[in-house]
């Protein structure tokens, strides 16, 4: 009973602190939204990283990163990550070194105030629209051409199962092959403990580990290699997650 009560009080505290700190940074981010890319994204991330560096420890959820040495200076990557909770997006956006964008649901940009954040930090897609999906691929390739990493969650939606990962979709792997860019697998651990699936208005403080694995080259690959690349990365991430999730 104590944990249920504390978890709801903590969730309210984290939500109010998130809203309050977001209001502080909203005006400078709104001004930055009028800049061209990649300057706009770099400015947004500079503020966003400072925000998360303050906010996450304040709610008892400091982020520990590992594997940053895998990012070569001047190299652009397609990054894939597992997806367990709503807290994943701000953690990954701030945690990836260098400018980056995330593929996000268009519906998220309809939430007041969030629209500015998602329109800068994300490439929006309406998965029910074939035209929107095609346009999102064009926009992602353009972002990569500007030297910005692309982060995608190949599971598609949050993993609410008891398994380490859900089956992967092909999109991220096709993008990496189409652009002939290396792909970096990454893993978030413990975010399910902070926001457990199925519990409303409940959260629990816990540190977060965000680990980057060695890059997987795609040079010389074609679309025929997408399934093999997808399955290879899936196995790497599954094995790493099961070996390190309790650390």
Protein backbone atom coordinates (compact mmCIF):
# COMPACT_ATOMS: atom_id res chain seq x y z
CA UNK A 1 0.00 0.00 0.00
CA UNK A 2 2.86 2.40 0.84
CA UNK A 3 4.42 1.88 -2.59
CA UNK A 4 1.12 2.57 -4.36
CA UNK A 5 0.58 5.79 -2.42
CA UNK A 6 4.18 6.98 -2.81
CA UNK A 7 4.18 6.04 -6.50
CA UNK A 8 1.18 8.25 -7.18
CA UNK A 9 2.61 11.16 -5.18
CA UNK A 10 5.91 10.77 -7.02
CA UNK A 11 4.13 10.66 -10.40
CA UNK A 12 2.32 13.90 -9.58
CA UNK A 13 5.58 15.53 -8.47
CA UNK A 14 7.38 14.42 -11.65
CA UNK A 15 4.51 15.62 -13.85
CA UNK A 16 4.26 19.03 -12.19
CA UNK A 17 8.03 19.51 -12.30
CA UNK A 18 8.08 18.52 -15.97
CA UNK A 19 5.34 21.01 -16.81
CA UNK A 20 6.93 23.77 -14.75
CA UNK A 21 10.41 23.38 -16.21
CA UNK A 22 8.99 23.08 -19.74
CA UNK A 23 7.30 26.46 -19.33
CA UNK A 24 10.68 27.97 -18.42
CA UNK A 25 12.35 26.73 -21.60
CA UNK A 26 9.37 27.14 -23.92
CA UNK A 27 10.00 30.74 -25.04
CA UNK A 28 13.64 30.25 -26.09
CA UNK A 29 12.70 27.04 -27.89
CA UNK A 30 9.80 28.80 -29.62
CA UNK A 31 12.23 31.47 -30.86
CA UNK A 32 14.67 28.79 -32.05
CA UNK A 33 11.84 27.09 -33.97
CA UNK A 34 12.10 29.84 -36.61
CA UNK A 35 15.76 29.08 -37.37
CA UNK A 36 16.70 26.85 -40.32
CA UNK A 37 17.99 23.32 -39.82
CA UNK A 38 20.44 22.02 -38.66
CA UNK A 39 20.99 25.20 -36.59
CA UNK A 40 17.44 24.91 -35.24
CA UNK A 41 17.89 21.34 -34.04
CA UNK A 42 21.30 22.06 -32.52
CA UNK A 43 19.88 25.00 -30.55
CA UNK A 44 16.88 22.97 -29.43
CA UNK A 45 19.11 20.12 -28.23
CA UNK A 46 21.46 22.45 -26.35
CA UNK A 47 18.50 23.63 -24.28
CA UNK A 48 16.93 20.16 -24.13
CA UNK A 49 20.09 18.53 -22.79
CA UNK A 50 20.45 21.16 -20.06
CA UNK A 51 16.78 20.64 -19.21
CA UNK A 52 17.15 16.86 -18.89
CA UNK A 53 20.47 17.15 -17.01
CA UNK A 54 18.56 19.07 -14.34
CA UNK A 55 15.15 17.39 -14.50
CA UNK A 56 16.10 13.71 -14.50
CA UNK A 57 18.25 13.80 -11.31
CA UNK A 58 15.61 15.96 -9.60
CA UNK A 59 13.04 13.18 -10.04
CA UNK A 60 15.51 10.52 -8.93
CA UNK A 61 16.08 9.11 -12.41
CA UNK A 62 19.65 10.02 -13.42
CA UNK A 63 20.74 8.76 -16.84
CA UNK A 64 23.98 6.78 -17.17
CA UNK A 65 25.33 6.47 -20.72
CA UNK A 66 27.76 3.90 -22.03
CA UNK A 67 29.30 3.35 -25.47
CA UNK A 68 29.70 6.98 -26.56
CA UNK A 69 33.09 6.04 -28.02
CA UNK A 70 31.24 4.29 -30.86
CA UNK A 71 30.28 7.68 -32.34
CA UNK A 72 33.02 8.75 -34.77
CA UNK A 73 33.53 12.49 -35.23
CA UNK A 74 31.86 13.71 -38.41
CA UNK A 75 29.95 10.46 -39.03
CA UNK A 76 26.17 10.38 -39.26
CA UNK A 77 24.25 7.34 -38.02
CA UNK A 78 20.84 5.72 -38.10
CA UNK A 79 20.20 4.76 -34.47
CA UNK A 80 17.69 2.16 -33.32
CA UNK A 81 16.45 1.82 -29.74
CA UNK A 82 14.02 -0.28 -27.76
CA UNK A 83 10.87 1.45 -26.55
CA UNK A 84 9.36 0.76 -23.12
CA UNK A 85 7.74 3.93 -21.78
CA UNK A 86 6.80 7.56 -22.41
CA UNK A 87 10.00 8.71 -20.72
CA UNK A 88 12.10 7.13 -23.49
CA UNK A 89 11.80 10.00 -25.98
CA UNK A 90 13.28 12.82 -23.86
CA UNK A 91 16.00 10.48 -22.55
CA UNK A 92 17.10 9.34 -26.01
CA UNK A 93 16.85 12.75 -27.66
CA UNK A 94 19.08 14.31 -25.02
CA UNK A 95 21.30 11.24 -24.66
CA UNK A 96 22.44 10.84 -28.27
CA UNK A 97 25.63 12.83 -28.91
CA UNK A 98 25.31 15.35 -31.71
CA UNK A 99 22.23 16.71 -33.49
CA UNK A 100 19.48 14.16 -33.97
CA UNK A 101 15.84 13.78 -34.85
CA UNK A 102 13.27 11.15 -33.90
CA UNK A 103 10.46 9.69 -35.98
CA UNK A 104 7.31 10.49 -34.00
CA UNK A 105 3.55 10.08 -34.29
CA UNK A 106 1.87 13.13 -35.83
CA UNK A 107 -0.74 13.04 -33.06
CA UNK A 108 1.90 14.06 -30.49
CA UNK A 109 2.24 17.45 -32.20
CA UNK A 110 -1.44 18.14 -31.54
CA UNK A 111 -0.86 18.38 -27.79
CA UNK A 112 -0.61 22.05 -26.68
CA UNK A 113 3.01 23.19 -26.08
CA UNK A 114 4.34 19.81 -27.19
CA UNK A 115 3.75 20.79 -30.81
CA UNK A 116 6.79 23.08 -30.86
CA UNK A 117 9.03 20.44 -29.27
CA UNK A 118 7.96 17.68 -31.62
CA UNK A 119 8.08 19.84 -34.74
CA UNK A 120 11.75 20.64 -34.03
CA UNK A 121 13.01 17.41 -32.53
CA UNK A 122 10.89 15.02 -34.54
CA UNK A 123 9.88 14.06 -38.03
CA UNK A 124 6.15 13.51 -37.80
CA UNK A 125 4.31 10.67 -39.47
CA UNK A 126 0.69 9.60 -39.65
CA UNK A 127 1.04 5.85 -40.03
CA UNK A 128 -2.51 5.56 -41.39
CA UNK A 129 -1.54 7.69 -44.40
CA UNK A 130 0.63 6.22 -47.15
CA UNK A 131 1.53 9.73 -48.35
CA UNK A 132 2.63 10.75 -44.85
CA UNK A 133 4.80 7.64 -44.53
CA UNK A 134 6.47 8.37 -47.89
CA UNK A 135 7.06 12.02 -46.96
CA UNK A 136 8.56 11.00 -43.61
CA UNK A 137 11.16 8.86 -45.41
CA UNK A 138 12.08 11.82 -47.63
CA UNK A 139 12.39 14.06 -44.57
CA UNK A 140 14.52 11.53 -42.69
CA UNK A 141 16.92 11.20 -45.60
CA UNK A 142 17.13 14.99 -45.80
CA UNK A 143 17.91 15.23 -42.07
CA UNK A 144 20.67 12.64 -42.48
CA UNK A 145 22.08 14.57 -45.44
CA UNK A 146 22.38 17.61 -43.14
CA UNK A 147 24.50 15.60 -40.69
CA UNK A 148 21.77 14.85 -38.15
CA UNK A 149 21.41 11.35 -36.74
CA UNK A 150 18.01 9.66 -37.09
CA UNK A 151 16.64 7.75 -34.12
CA UNK A 152 13.95 5.16 -34.74
CA UNK A 153 12.13 2.70 -32.49
CA UNK A 154 11.89 -0.42 -34.68
CA UNK A 155 9.34 -2.06 -32.37
CA UNK A 156 6.89 0.59 -33.61
CA UNK A 157 5.11 1.09 -30.28
CA UNK A 158 5.93 0.68 -26.60
CA UNK A 159 6.77 -2.83 -25.52
CA UNK A 160 4.07 -3.86 -23.05
CA UNK A 161 4.99 -7.55 -23.20
CA UNK A 162 7.17 -9.50 -20.78
CA UNK A 163 9.82 -10.02 -23.45
CA UNK A 164 12.99 -7.92 -23.79
CA UNK A 165 11.93 -6.75 -27.27
CA UNK A 166 8.97 -6.85 -29.63
CA UNK A 167 9.52 -7.93 -33.26
CA UNK A 168 11.15 -5.23 -35.38
CA UNK A 169 9.71 -3.50 -38.44
CA UNK A 170 11.91 -3.03 -41.51
CA UNK A 171 11.85 0.78 -41.83
CA UNK A 172 14.97 1.72 -39.86
CA UNK A 173 17.06 -0.92 -41.60
CA UNK A 174 15.83 0.05 -45.05
CA UNK A 175 16.71 3.69 -44.26
CA UNK A 176 20.24 2.76 -43.20
CA UNK A 177 20.76 0.69 -46.34
CA UNK A 178 19.22 3.29 -48.67
CA UNK A 179 21.57 5.96 -47.31
CA UNK A 180 24.51 3.54 -46.90
CA UNK A 181 25.04 4.84 -43.38
CA UNK A 182 26.18 2.76 -40.40
CA UNK A 183 23.51 1.75 -37.91
CA UNK A 184 24.02 1.98 -34.15
CA UNK A 185 21.89 -0.29 -31.93
CA UNK A 186 21.09 1.26 -28.55
CA UNK A 187 19.25 0.09 -25.47
CA UNK A 188 17.35 1.81 -22.68
CA UNK A 189 17.14 -0.10 -19.44
CA UNK A 190 14.94 0.35 -16.35
CA UNK A 191 12.41 2.79 -17.88
CA UNK A 192 9.73 0.13 -17.42
CA UNK A 193 10.42 0.27 -13.68
CA UNK A 194 9.85 4.03 -13.67
CA UNK A 195 6.58 3.92 -15.59
CA UNK A 196 5.18 0.36 -15.31
CA UNK A 197 2.76 -0.65 -18.05
CA UNK A 198 -0.85 -0.87 -16.96
CA UNK A 199 -0.55 1.49 -13.98
CA UNK A 200 -2.15 4.91 -14.34
CA UNK A 201 -0.72 7.92 -12.54
CA UNK A 202 2.07 5.86 -11.03
CA UNK A 203 5.85 6.28 -11.27
CA UNK A 204 8.87 5.10 -9.32
CA UNK A 205 12.37 6.63 -9.12
CA UNK A 206 15.16 4.55 -10.64
CA UNK A 207 18.35 5.26 -12.54
CA UNK A 208 18.29 4.76 -16.32
CA UNK A 209 21.02 3.12 -18.36
CA UNK A 210 21.34 4.14 -22.01
CA UNK A 211 23.90 1.98 -23.83
CA UNK A 212 25.16 2.26 -27.40
CA UNK A 213 26.51 -0.82 -29.16
CA UNK A 214 29.20 -0.86 -31.88
CA UNK A 215 28.02 0.44 -35.27
CA UNK A 216 26.88 -2.01 -37.93
CA UNK A 217 28.06 -1.03 -41.43
CA UNK A 218 25.64 -1.12 -44.38
CA UNK A 219 28.05 -0.25 -47.20
CA UNK A 220 27.33 -2.39 -50.24
CA UNK A 221 24.02 -3.71 -48.88
CA UNK A 222 20.80 -3.58 -50.90
CA UNK A 223 17.12 -3.76 -49.97
CA UNK A 224 17.40 -7.55 -50.27
CA UNK A 225 19.63 -7.45 -47.18
CA UNK A 226 17.04 -5.72 -44.98
CA UNK A 227 15.67 -8.91 -43.31
CA UNK A 228 19.15 -10.22 -42.50
CA UNK A 229 20.26 -6.85 -41.10
CA UNK A 230 17.06 -6.52 -39.05
CA UNK A 231 17.42 -10.02 -37.59
CA UNK A 232 21.13 -9.51 -36.83
CA UNK A 233 20.50 -6.28 -34.93
CA UNK A 234 17.48 -7.76 -33.15
CA UNK A 235 19.61 -10.64 -31.83
CA UNK A 236 22.42 -8.27 -30.76
CA UNK A 237 19.99 -6.08 -28.84
CA UNK A 238 18.09 -9.02 -27.30
CA UNK A 239 21.29 -10.68 -26.10
CA UNK A 240 22.72 -7.43 -24.71
CA UNK A 241 19.49 -6.47 -22.94
CA UNK A 242 19.08 -9.86 -21.25
CA UNK A 243 22.71 -9.77 -20.11
CA UNK A 244 22.72 -6.21 -18.77
CA UNK A 245 19.16 -5.24 -17.78
CA UNK A 246 19.65 -6.03 -14.10
CA UNK A 247 22.97 -4.18 -13.76
